[in-house]
Protein backbone atom coordinates (compact mmCIF):
# COMPACT_ATOMS: atom_id res chain seq x y z
CA ILE A 1 55.85 -41.36 -10.27
CA VAL A 2 55.13 -38.95 -13.11
CA PHE A 3 51.94 -39.00 -15.16
CA LEU A 4 52.53 -37.43 -18.55
CA ASP A 5 50.39 -36.74 -21.61
CA TYR A 6 51.75 -36.73 -25.14
CA PHE A 7 49.85 -33.64 -26.31
CA LEU A 8 50.74 -30.58 -24.24
CA PRO A 9 50.20 -26.89 -25.01
CA ASP A 10 53.86 -25.77 -24.98
CA ALA A 11 55.74 -28.99 -25.76
CA ASN A 12 55.14 -32.62 -26.53
CA GLY A 13 55.52 -35.46 -24.09
CA SER A 14 58.77 -36.63 -25.69
CA GLU A 15 60.50 -33.36 -24.90
CA ILE A 16 59.24 -33.38 -21.31
CA MET A 17 60.24 -37.04 -20.95
CA GLU A 18 63.84 -36.18 -21.86
CA GLN A 19 63.89 -33.44 -19.21
CA ILE A 20 62.42 -35.75 -16.57
CA LYS A 21 65.02 -38.44 -17.25
CA GLU A 22 67.83 -35.88 -17.03
CA ILE A 23 66.61 -34.54 -13.68
CA ALA A 24 65.33 -37.77 -12.14
CA PRO A 25 66.45 -40.86 -14.08
CA GLU A 26 64.85 -43.14 -11.46
CA ALA A 27 61.39 -41.60 -11.99
CA LYS A 28 58.62 -43.96 -13.03
CA VAL A 29 56.84 -42.27 -15.92
CA ILE A 30 53.40 -43.40 -17.02
CA ILE A 31 52.06 -41.89 -20.23
CA ILE A 32 48.30 -41.39 -20.32
CA SER A 33 47.32 -40.15 -23.76
CA SER A 34 44.76 -40.28 -26.53
CA GLN A 35 47.66 -40.93 -28.92
CA GLU A 36 47.13 -44.48 -30.21
CA ASP A 37 50.05 -44.66 -32.63
CA PRO A 38 52.09 -47.78 -31.78
CA LYS A 39 55.28 -46.03 -32.95
CA VAL A 40 54.79 -43.29 -30.35
CA ALA A 41 54.31 -45.90 -27.62
CA ALA A 42 57.39 -47.79 -28.83
CA ASP A 43 59.49 -44.61 -28.83
CA PHE A 44 58.44 -43.84 -25.26
CA THR A 45 59.22 -47.42 -24.24
CA LYS A 46 62.73 -47.05 -25.65
CA ALA A 47 63.05 -43.79 -23.70
CA GLY A 48 62.40 -45.66 -20.47
CA ILE A 49 58.77 -45.16 -19.52
CA PHE A 50 57.19 -47.45 -16.96
CA GLY A 51 53.86 -47.67 -18.78
CA TYR A 52 51.74 -46.36 -21.62
CA ILE A 53 47.97 -46.01 -21.29
CA VAL A 54 45.68 -45.03 -24.15
CA LYS A 55 42.71 -42.97 -22.98
CA ASP A 56 39.92 -45.39 -23.75
CA LYS A 57 37.07 -46.91 -21.77
CA ASP A 58 39.50 -49.16 -19.83
CA TRP A 59 42.17 -46.59 -18.95
CA LYS A 60 41.37 -46.55 -15.23
CA GLN A 61 41.80 -50.31 -14.96
CA LYS A 62 45.13 -50.08 -16.78
CA LEU A 63 46.25 -47.34 -14.41
CA ALA A 64 45.24 -49.48 -11.43
CA HIS A 65 47.34 -52.32 -12.86
CA TYR A 66 50.47 -50.14 -13.07
CA LEU A 67 49.91 -48.75 -9.58
CA LYS A 68 49.59 -52.29 -8.26
CA GLU A 69 52.90 -53.18 -9.95
CA LEU A 70 54.45 -50.25 -8.06
CA ASN A 71 52.86 -51.46 -4.80
CA LEU A 72 50.79 -48.27 -4.47
């Protein structure tokens, strides 16, 4: 499991996502970001993420949901 943010100091999450999928295509990537743009979430979904969580008041519950789906 990889937790990834969209906004990073040296790259953006999309670039890192590509590298992760090249190295470990079976990795379950969950984006946790303040980025609320639906297009960004859709692009990540097309790239093969497991989940996308917007950092809001309910983000911990959403994370718990994904972890439950993964039986963790």
